Amino acid sequence: MNAFLPPPRAATELLPVRQLTRLEDGEQLHSLLWRAGDDWRMISSAVLGGGIGERRWVLNAQVSHGYRRTDPDRHLAELARDAGVDGPGVALMTAADVRAYGRADDGGVEAVATAGLGVRGWAACPAEQAAASVGPGTINIVVALPVAVTDAALVNAVVTATEAKVQALLDSGYDCSGTPTDAVCVAARIPRAGAEVHAFTGPRSLWGARVARAVHRAVRVAACP
């Protein structure tokens, strides 16, 4: 049974996240929903809505520990429909309680992060460790930029956000680069005629530096609730 309860609305300008609660197999689980609407282009590593394209919403859904479904894309699509969204969107999942999310903004860039750190380690590890099965305990990061950027800059923003995540984990006392199932979504405005389209989002560019600082603070909050 999926029964979403009416959520309160958080007061933000760019990335207004709503908290959702649902009952699934007798367990109370939570999600974060951003109804982005039109005028957004996103890049994501998500199971549902990943890649680059125009997207209208982002759902970060908590799932039960010991998650065993083999069709996460279908499951996430069902949760999105139950949440009342339609059209193309991005859906992430995590075993962490998403109510303990971290939020930060810097110069117009906003970031929201959830952190499930029960299964963590370094990206480069021995082959036998890499082959081991893992659960969905995950760090999910959503970033919104108020400007249009090129395809290459969208890709670079993912790199910058990931670097900032690792820095935040180390600064929080975790000896790791993340979890094996971390996911990210970066949203930027759709380019419009006559509007500037930014080509750089590395950590020393104007917008990249803002992405890095926002993600760093959001992950620190989520990792140290």
C-alpha atoms as a PDB file:
ATOM      1  CA  MET A   1       0.000   0.000   0.000  1.00  0.00           C
ATOM      2  CA  ASN A   2       1.341   3.422  -0.955  1.00  0.00           C
ATOM      3  CA  ALA A   3      -0.467   6.254   0.803  1.00  0.00           C
ATOM      4  CA  PHE A   4       1.249   9.626   0.575  1.00  0.00           C
ATOM      5  CA  LEU A   5       0.256  12.040   3.318  1.00  0.00           C
ATOM      6  CA  PRO A   6      -0.085  15.789   2.614  1.00  0.00           C
ATOM      7  CA  PRO A   7       3.385  17.306   3.058  1.00  0.00           C
ATOM      8  CA  PRO A   8       4.379  20.725   4.385  1.00  0.00           C
ATOM      9  CA  ARG A   9       6.170  23.047   2.004  1.00  0.00           C
ATOM     10  CA  ALA A  10       9.631  24.296   2.781  1.00  0.00           C
ATOM     11  CA  ALA A  11      10.247  27.966   2.170  1.00  0.00           C
ATOM     12  CA  THR A  12      13.027  28.327  -0.407  1.00  0.00           C
ATOM     13  CA  GLU A  13      13.235  30.161  -3.690  1.00  0.00           C
ATOM     14  CA  LEU A  14      15.080  27.884  -6.090  1.00  0.00           C
ATOM     15  CA  LEU A  15      14.823  24.326  -4.753  1.00  0.00           C
ATOM     16  CA  PRO A  16      11.613  24.085  -2.667  1.00  0.00           C
ATOM     17  CA  VAL A  17      11.694  20.585  -1.200  1.00  0.00           C
ATOM     18  CA  ARG A  18       8.590  18.932   0.183  1.00  0.00           C
ATOM     19  CA  GLN A  19       8.705  16.074   2.648  1.00  0.00           C
ATOM     20  CA  LEU A  20       6.416  13.150   1.841  1.00  0.00           C
ATOM     21  CA  THR A  21       5.428  10.194   3.987  1.00  0.00           C
ATOM     22  CA  ARG A  22       4.029   6.909   2.705  1.00  0.00           C
ATOM     23  CA  LEU A  23       3.091   3.515   4.053  1.00  0.00           C
ATOM     24  CA  GLU A  24       4.680   0.621   2.169  1.00  0.00           C
ATOM     25  CA  ASP A  25       4.320  -2.993   3.311  1.00  0.00           C
ATOM     26  CA  GLY A  26       3.388  -1.726   6.766  1.00  0.00           C
ATOM     27  CA  GLU A  27       6.489   0.466   7.085  1.00  0.00           C
ATOM     28  CA  GLN A  28       6.470   4.249   7.240  1.00  0.00           C
ATOM     29  CA  LEU A  29       8.929   5.639   4.714  1.00  0.00           C
ATOM     30  CA  HIS A  30       9.736   9.163   3.628  1.00  0.00           C
ATOM     31  CA  SER A  31      10.684  11.036   0.462  1.00  0.00           C
ATOM     32  CA  LEU A  32      11.784  14.477  -0.640  1.00  0.00           C
ATOM     33  CA  LEU A  33      10.102  15.986  -3.689  1.00  0.00           C
ATOM     34  CA  TRP A  34      11.124  19.006  -5.739  1.00  0.00           C
ATOM     35  CA  ARG A  35       8.482  20.107  -8.239  1.00  0.00           C
ATOM     36  CA  ALA A  36      10.849  22.004 -10.482  1.00  0.00           C
ATOM     37  CA  GLY A  37       8.314  22.691 -13.240  1.00  0.00           C
ATOM     38  CA  ASP A  38       9.349  23.903 -16.667  1.00  0.00           C
ATOM     39  CA  ASP A  39      12.561  25.681 -17.687  1.00  0.00           C
ATOM     40  CA  TRP A  40      14.957  23.127 -16.200  1.00  0.00           C
ATOM     41  CA  ARG A  41      17.578  20.892 -17.748  1.00  0.00           C
ATOM     42  CA  MET A  42      19.160  18.228 -15.571  1.00  0.00           C
ATOM     43  CA  ILE A  43      22.008  15.767 -15.582  1.00  0.00           C
ATOM     44  CA  SER A  44      21.785  12.774 -13.290  1.00  0.00           C
ATOM     45  CA  SER A  45      23.152   9.333 -12.571  1.00  0.00           C
ATOM     46  CA  ALA A  46      19.721   8.236 -11.270  1.00  0.00           C
ATOM     47  CA  VAL A  47      18.137   4.906 -12.167  1.00  0.00           C
ATOM     48  CA  LEU A  48      14.998   6.747 -13.314  1.00  0.00           C
ATOM     49  CA  GLY A  49      15.441   9.874 -15.427  1.00  0.00           C
ATOM     50  CA  GLY A  50      19.227   9.672 -15.601  1.00  0.00           C
ATOM     51  CA  GLY A  51      21.305  11.228 -18.358  1.00  0.00           C
ATOM     52  CA  ILE A  52      20.862  14.784 -19.674  1.00  0.00           C
ATOM     53  CA  GLY A  53      17.533  16.309 -20.632  1.00  0.00           C
ATOM     54  CA  GLU A  54      14.627  18.509 -19.661  1.00  0.00           C
ATOM     55  CA  ARG A  55      13.132  17.350 -16.370  1.00  0.00           C
ATOM     56  CA  ARG A  56      10.226  18.675 -14.292  1.00  0.00           C
ATOM     57  CA  TRP A  57      10.724  17.093 -10.878  1.00  0.00           C
ATOM     58  CA  VAL A  58      13.158  15.275  -8.596  1.00  0.00           C
ATOM     59  CA  LEU A  59      12.137  12.596  -6.092  1.00  0.00           C
ATOM     60  CA  ASN A  60      14.519  11.266  -3.432  1.00  0.00           C
ATOM     61  CA  ALA A  61      12.753   8.214  -2.025  1.00  0.00           C
ATOM     62  CA  GLN A  62      13.602   6.303   1.117  1.00  0.00           C
ATOM     63  CA  VAL A  63      13.343   2.534   0.734  1.00  0.00           C
ATOM     64  CA  SER A  64      13.504  -0.176   3.376  1.00  0.00           C
ATOM     65  CA  HIS A  65      16.785  -1.613   4.626  1.00  0.00           C
ATOM     66  CA  GLY A  66      17.483  -4.884   2.875  1.00  0.00           C
ATOM     67  CA  TYR A  67      15.785  -3.626  -0.301  1.00  0.00           C
ATOM     68  CA  ARG A  68      15.336  -6.601  -2.625  1.00  0.00           C
ATOM     69  CA  ARG A  69      13.320  -5.386  -5.600  1.00  0.00           C
ATOM     70  CA  THR A  70      15.011  -5.988  -8.931  1.00  0.00           C
ATOM     71  CA  ASP A  71      12.995  -3.333 -10.792  1.00  0.00           C
ATOM     72  CA  PRO A  72      13.959  -0.074  -9.042  1.00  0.00           C
ATOM     73  CA  ASP A  73      13.105   2.026 -12.101  1.00  0.00           C
ATOM     74  CA  ARG A  74       9.543   0.702 -12.122  1.00  0.00           C
ATOM     75  CA  HIS A  75       9.250   1.086  -8.354  1.00  0.00           C
ATOM     76  CA  LEU A  76      10.437   4.704  -8.512  1.00  0.00           C
ATOM     77  CA  ALA A  77       8.005   5.441 -11.341  1.00  0.00           C
ATOM     78  CA  GLU A  78       5.186   4.101  -9.155  1.00  0.00           C
ATOM     79  CA  LEU A  79       6.295   6.292  -6.240  1.00  0.00           C
ATOM     80  CA  ALA A  80       6.460   9.329  -8.505  1.00  0.00           C
ATOM     81  CA  ARG A  81       2.920   8.736  -9.736  1.00  0.00           C
ATOM     82  CA  ASP A  82       1.713   8.299  -6.158  1.00  0.00           C
ATOM     83  CA  ALA A  83       3.401  11.602  -5.296  1.00  0.00           C
ATOM     84  CA  GLY A  84       1.307  13.318  -7.978  1.00  0.00           C
ATOM     85  CA  VAL A  85       3.988  14.259 -10.484  1.00  0.00           C
ATOM     86  CA  ASP A  86       3.933  13.666 -14.209  1.00  0.00           C
ATOM     87  CA  GLY A  87       6.127  14.241 -17.199  1.00  0.00           C
ATOM     88  CA  PRO A  88       9.878  13.569 -17.261  1.00  0.00           C
ATOM     89  CA  GLY A  89      11.689  13.663 -13.931  1.00  0.00           C
ATOM     90  CA  VAL A  90      14.518  12.226 -11.875  1.00  0.00           C
ATOM     91  CA  ALA A  91      14.044   9.689  -9.063  1.00  0.00           C
ATOM     92  CA  LEU A  92      16.726   8.661  -6.592  1.00  0.00           C
ATOM     93  CA  MET A  93      16.546   6.108  -3.780  1.00  0.00           C
ATOM     94  CA  THR A  94      18.269   5.581  -0.442  1.00  0.00           C
ATOM     95  CA  ALA A  95      17.872   3.537   2.723  1.00  0.00           C
ATOM     96  CA  ALA A  96      18.638   6.645   4.795  1.00  0.00           C
ATOM     97  CA  ASP A  97      15.892   8.617   6.517  1.00  0.00           C
ATOM     98  CA  VAL A  98      15.643  11.534   4.117  1.00  0.00           C
ATOM     99  CA  ARG A  99      14.105  13.764   6.784  1.00  0.00           C
ATOM    100  CA  ALA A 100      17.654  14.253   8.073  1.00  0.00           C
ATOM    101  CA  TYR A 101      18.682  16.014   4.876  1.00  0.00           C
ATOM    102  CA  GLY A 102      21.238  18.779   4.640  1.00  0.00           C
ATOM    103  CA  ARG A 103      20.594  21.991   2.757  1.00  0.00           C
ATOM    104  CA  ALA A 104      22.894  24.854   1.798  1.00  0.00           C
ATOM    105  CA  ASP A 105      23.027  27.735  -0.646  1.00  0.00           C
ATOM    106  CA  ASP A 106      25.835  29.857  -1.992  1.00  0.00           C
ATOM    107  CA  GLY A 107      25.445  32.787  -4.336  1.00  0.00           C
ATOM    108  CA  GLY A 108      22.193  31.522  -5.819  1.00  0.00           C
ATOM    109  CA  VAL A 109      23.178  27.849  -6.016  1.00  0.00           C
ATOM    110  CA  GLU A 110      21.229  25.494  -3.744  1.00  0.00           C
ATOM    111  CA  ALA A 111      22.104  21.945  -2.720  1.00  0.00           C
ATOM    112  CA  VAL A 112      20.196  19.265  -0.830  1.00  0.00           C
ATOM    113  CA  ALA A 113      21.903  16.082   0.342  1.00  0.00           C
ATOM    114  CA  THR A 114      20.851  12.915   2.134  1.00  0.00           C
ATOM    115  CA  ALA A 115      23.471  10.616   3.609  1.00  0.00           C
ATOM    116  CA  GLY A 116      23.224   6.913   4.349  1.00  0.00           C
ATOM    117  CA  LEU A 117      26.746   5.962   5.414  1.00  0.00           C
ATOM    118  CA  GLY A 118      26.291   2.434   6.697  1.00  0.00           C
ATOM    119  CA  VAL A 119      28.141   1.021   3.668  1.00  0.00           C
ATOM    120  CA  ARG A 120      31.029   3.257   2.738  1.00  0.00           C
ATOM    121  CA  GLY A 121      34.565   3.042   1.425  1.00  0.00           C
ATOM    122  CA  TRP A 122      36.929   4.239  -1.249  1.00  0.00           C
ATOM    123  CA  ALA A 123      36.078   4.275  -4.935  1.00  0.00           C
ATOM    124  CA  ALA A 124      39.258   2.402  -5.876  1.00  0.00           C
ATOM    125  CA  CYS A 125      39.340  -0.786  -3.814  1.00  0.00           C
ATOM    126  CA  PRO A 126      40.434  -4.413  -4.265  1.00  0.00           C
ATOM    127  CA  ALA A 127      38.476  -6.330  -6.888  1.00  0.00           C
ATOM    128  CA  GLU A 128      36.964  -8.750  -4.375  1.00  0.00           C
ATOM    129  CA  GLN A 129      35.508  -5.840  -2.396  1.00  0.00           C
ATOM    130  CA  ALA A 130      34.186  -4.153  -5.514  1.00  0.00           C
ATOM    131  CA  ALA A 131      32.376  -7.339  -6.529  1.00  0.00           C
ATOM    132  CA  ALA A 132      30.584  -7.663  -3.178  1.00  0.00           C
ATOM    133  CA  SER A 133      26.866  -6.913  -3.193  1.00  0.00           C
ATOM    134  CA  VAL A 134      25.770  -3.791  -1.329  1.00  0.00           C
ATOM    135  CA  GLY A 135      22.510  -2.336  -0.104  1.00  0.00           C
ATOM    136  CA  PRO A 136      20.946   0.980  -1.033  1.00  0.00           C
ATOM    137  CA  GLY A 137      22.504   3.047   1.773  1.00  0.00           C
ATOM    138  CA  THR A 138      23.468   6.052  -0.307  1.00  0.00           C
ATOM    139  CA  ILE A 139      24.541   9.681  -0.477  1.00  0.00           C
ATOM    140  CA  ASN A 140      22.155  11.503  -2.815  1.00  0.00           C
ATOM    141  CA  ILE A 141      22.893  15.065  -3.885  1.00  0.00           C
ATOM    142  CA  VAL A 142      20.614  17.462  -5.763  1.00  0.00           C
ATOM    143  CA  VAL A 143      22.009  20.799  -6.930  1.00  0.00           C
ATOM    144  CA  ALA A 144      20.167  23.672  -8.642  1.00  0.00           C
ATOM    145  CA  LEU A 145      21.851  26.520 -10.510  1.00  0.00           C
ATOM    146  CA  PRO A 146      19.864  29.645 -11.427  1.00  0.00           C
ATOM    147  CA  VAL A 147      21.671  30.000 -14.771  1.00  0.00           C
ATOM    148  CA  ALA A 148      21.978  28.137 -18.065  1.00  0.00           C
ATOM    149  CA  VAL A 149      25.138  26.122 -18.708  1.00  0.00           C
ATOM    150  CA  THR A 150      26.522  24.073 -21.595  1.00  0.00           C
ATOM    151  CA  ASP A 151      26.398  20.276 -21.742  1.00  0.00           C
ATOM    152  CA  ALA A 152      30.085  20.147 -20.845  1.00  0.00           C
ATOM    153  CA  ALA A 153      29.494  22.440 -17.881  1.00  0.00           C
ATOM    154  CA  LEU A 154      26.676  20.187 -16.664  1.00  0.00           C
ATOM    155  CA  VAL A 155      29.105  17.259 -16.716  1.00  0.00           C
ATOM    156  CA  ASN A 156      31.759  19.335 -14.992  1.00  0.00           C
ATOM    157  CA  ALA A 157      29.262  20.348 -12.280  1.00  0.00           C
ATOM    158  CA  VAL A 158      28.805  16.663 -11.439  1.00  0.00           C
ATOM    159  CA  VAL A 159      32.579  16.336 -11.054  1.00  0.00           C
ATOM    160  CA  THR A 160      32.726  19.452  -8.876  1.00  0.00           C
ATOM    161  CA  ALA A 161      29.844  18.262  -6.698  1.00  0.00           C
ATOM    162  CA  THR A 162      31.491  14.859  -6.275  1.00  0.00           C
ATOM    163  CA  GLU A 163      34.813  16.403  -5.277  1.00  0.00           C
ATOM    164  CA  ALA A 164      33.022  18.603  -2.739  1.00  0.00           C
ATOM    165  CA  LYS A 165      31.187  15.545  -1.360  1.00  0.00           C
ATOM    166  CA  VAL A 166      34.453  13.720  -0.736  1.00  0.00           C
ATOM    167  CA  GLN A 167      35.938  16.814   0.909  1.00  0.00           C
ATOM    168  CA  ALA A 168      32.889  17.087   3.174  1.00  0.00           C
ATOM    169  CA  LEU A 169      33.146  13.436   4.203  1.00  0.00           C
ATOM    170  CA  LEU A 170      36.802  13.804   5.114  1.00  0.00           C
ATOM    171  CA  ASP A 171      36.085  17.031   6.991  1.00  0.00           C
ATOM    172  CA  SER A 172      33.323  15.175   8.883  1.00  0.00           C
ATOM    173  CA  GLY A 173      35.735  12.453  10.029  1.00  0.00           C
ATOM    174  CA  TYR A 174      34.800   9.736   7.532  1.00  0.00           C
ATOM    175  CA  ASP A 175      37.721   7.871   5.963  1.00  0.00           C
ATOM    176  CA  CYS A 176      36.014   7.244   2.623  1.00  0.00           C
ATOM    177  CA  SER A 177      35.077   8.736  -0.735  1.00  0.00           C
ATOM    178  CA  GLY A 178      31.411   7.790  -0.391  1.00  0.00           C
ATOM    179  CA  THR A 179      29.221   4.711  -0.742  1.00  0.00           C
ATOM    180  CA  PRO A 180      29.057   2.307  -3.708  1.00  0.00           C
ATOM    181  CA  THR A 181      25.617   3.595  -4.715  1.00  0.00           C
ATOM    182  CA  ASP A 182      25.941   7.387  -4.466  1.00  0.00           C
ATOM    183  CA  ALA A 183      23.892   9.404  -6.953  1.00  0.00           C
ATOM    184  CA  VAL A 184      23.780  13.013  -8.054  1.00  0.00           C
ATOM    185  CA  CYS A 185      21.458  15.339  -9.945  1.00  0.00           C
ATOM    186  CA  VAL A 186      22.440  18.805 -11.158  1.00  0.00           C
ATOM    187  CA  ALA A 187      19.778  21.144 -12.536  1.00  0.00           C
ATOM    188  CA  ALA A 188      20.344  24.316 -14.523  1.00  0.00           C
ATOM    189  CA  ARG A 189      18.110  26.613 -16.501  1.00  0.00           C
ATOM    190  CA  ILE A 190      17.272  25.823 -20.113  1.00  0.00           C
ATOM    191  CA  PRO A 191      19.231  28.124 -22.425  1.00  0.00           C
ATOM    192  CA  ARG A 192      17.082  30.885 -23.895  1.00  0.00           C
ATOM    193  CA  ALA A 193      17.707  33.187 -26.856  1.00  0.00           C
ATOM    194  CA  GLY A 194      19.780  36.168 -25.817  1.00  0.00           C
ATOM    195  CA  ALA A 195      20.613  34.770 -22.363  1.00  0.00           C
ATOM    196  CA  GLU A 196      24.152  33.957 -21.293  1.00  0.00           C
ATOM    197  CA  VAL A 197      25.091  30.295 -21.272  1.00  0.00           C
ATOM    198  CA  HIS A 198      27.967  29.559 -18.912  1.00  0.00           C
ATOM    199  CA  ALA A 199      30.690  27.230 -20.119  1.00  0.00           C
ATOM    200  CA  PHE A 200      32.622  26.545 -16.898  1.00  0.00           C
ATOM    201  CA  THR A 201      31.629  24.910 -13.612  1.00  0.00           C
ATOM    202  CA  GLY A 202      34.982  23.705 -12.327  1.00  0.00           C
ATOM    203  CA  PRO A 203      35.708  24.461  -8.668  1.00  0.00           C
ATOM    204  CA  ARG A 204      37.545  27.693  -9.464  1.00  0.00           C
ATOM    205  CA  SER A 205      34.938  29.071 -11.856  1.00  0.00           C
ATOM    206  CA  LEU A 206      32.228  31.424 -10.596  1.00  0.00           C
ATOM    207  CA  TRP A 207      29.356  28.942 -10.626  1.00  0.00           C
ATOM    208  CA  GLY A 208      31.449  25.873  -9.958  1.00  0.00           C
ATOM    209  CA  ALA A 209      32.886  27.391  -6.799  1.00  0.00           C
ATOM    210  CA  ARG A 210      29.342  28.072  -5.611  1.00  0.00           C
ATOM    211  CA  VAL A 211      28.318  24.498  -6.404  1.00  0.00           C
ATOM    212  CA  ALA A 212      31.298  23.186  -4.445  1.00  0.00           C
ATOM    213  CA  ARG A 213      30.618  25.285  -1.360  1.00  0.00           C
ATOM    214  CA  ALA A 214      26.883  24.538  -1.341  1.00  0.00           C
ATOM    215  CA  VAL A 215      27.398  20.787  -1.757  1.00  0.00           C
ATOM    216  CA  HIS A 216      30.166  20.720   0.846  1.00  0.00           C
ATOM    217  CA  ARG A 217      27.958  22.327   3.468  1.00  0.00           C
ATOM    218  CA  ALA A 218      24.872  20.266   2.579  1.00  0.00           C
ATOM    219  CA  VAL A 219      26.763  16.974   2.808  1.00  0.00           C
ATOM    220  CA  ARG A 220      28.375  17.977   6.089  1.00  0.00           C
ATOM    221  CA  VAL A 221      24.972  18.681   7.585  1.00  0.00           C
ATOM    222  CA  ALA A 222      23.538  15.397   6.270  1.00  0.00           C
ATOM    223  CA  ALA A 223      26.571  13.359   7.375  1.00  0.00           C
ATOM    224  CA  CYS A 224      26.553  14.797  10.903  1.00  0.00           C
ATOM    225  CA  PRO A 225      22.871  15.127  11.887  1.00  0.00           C
END
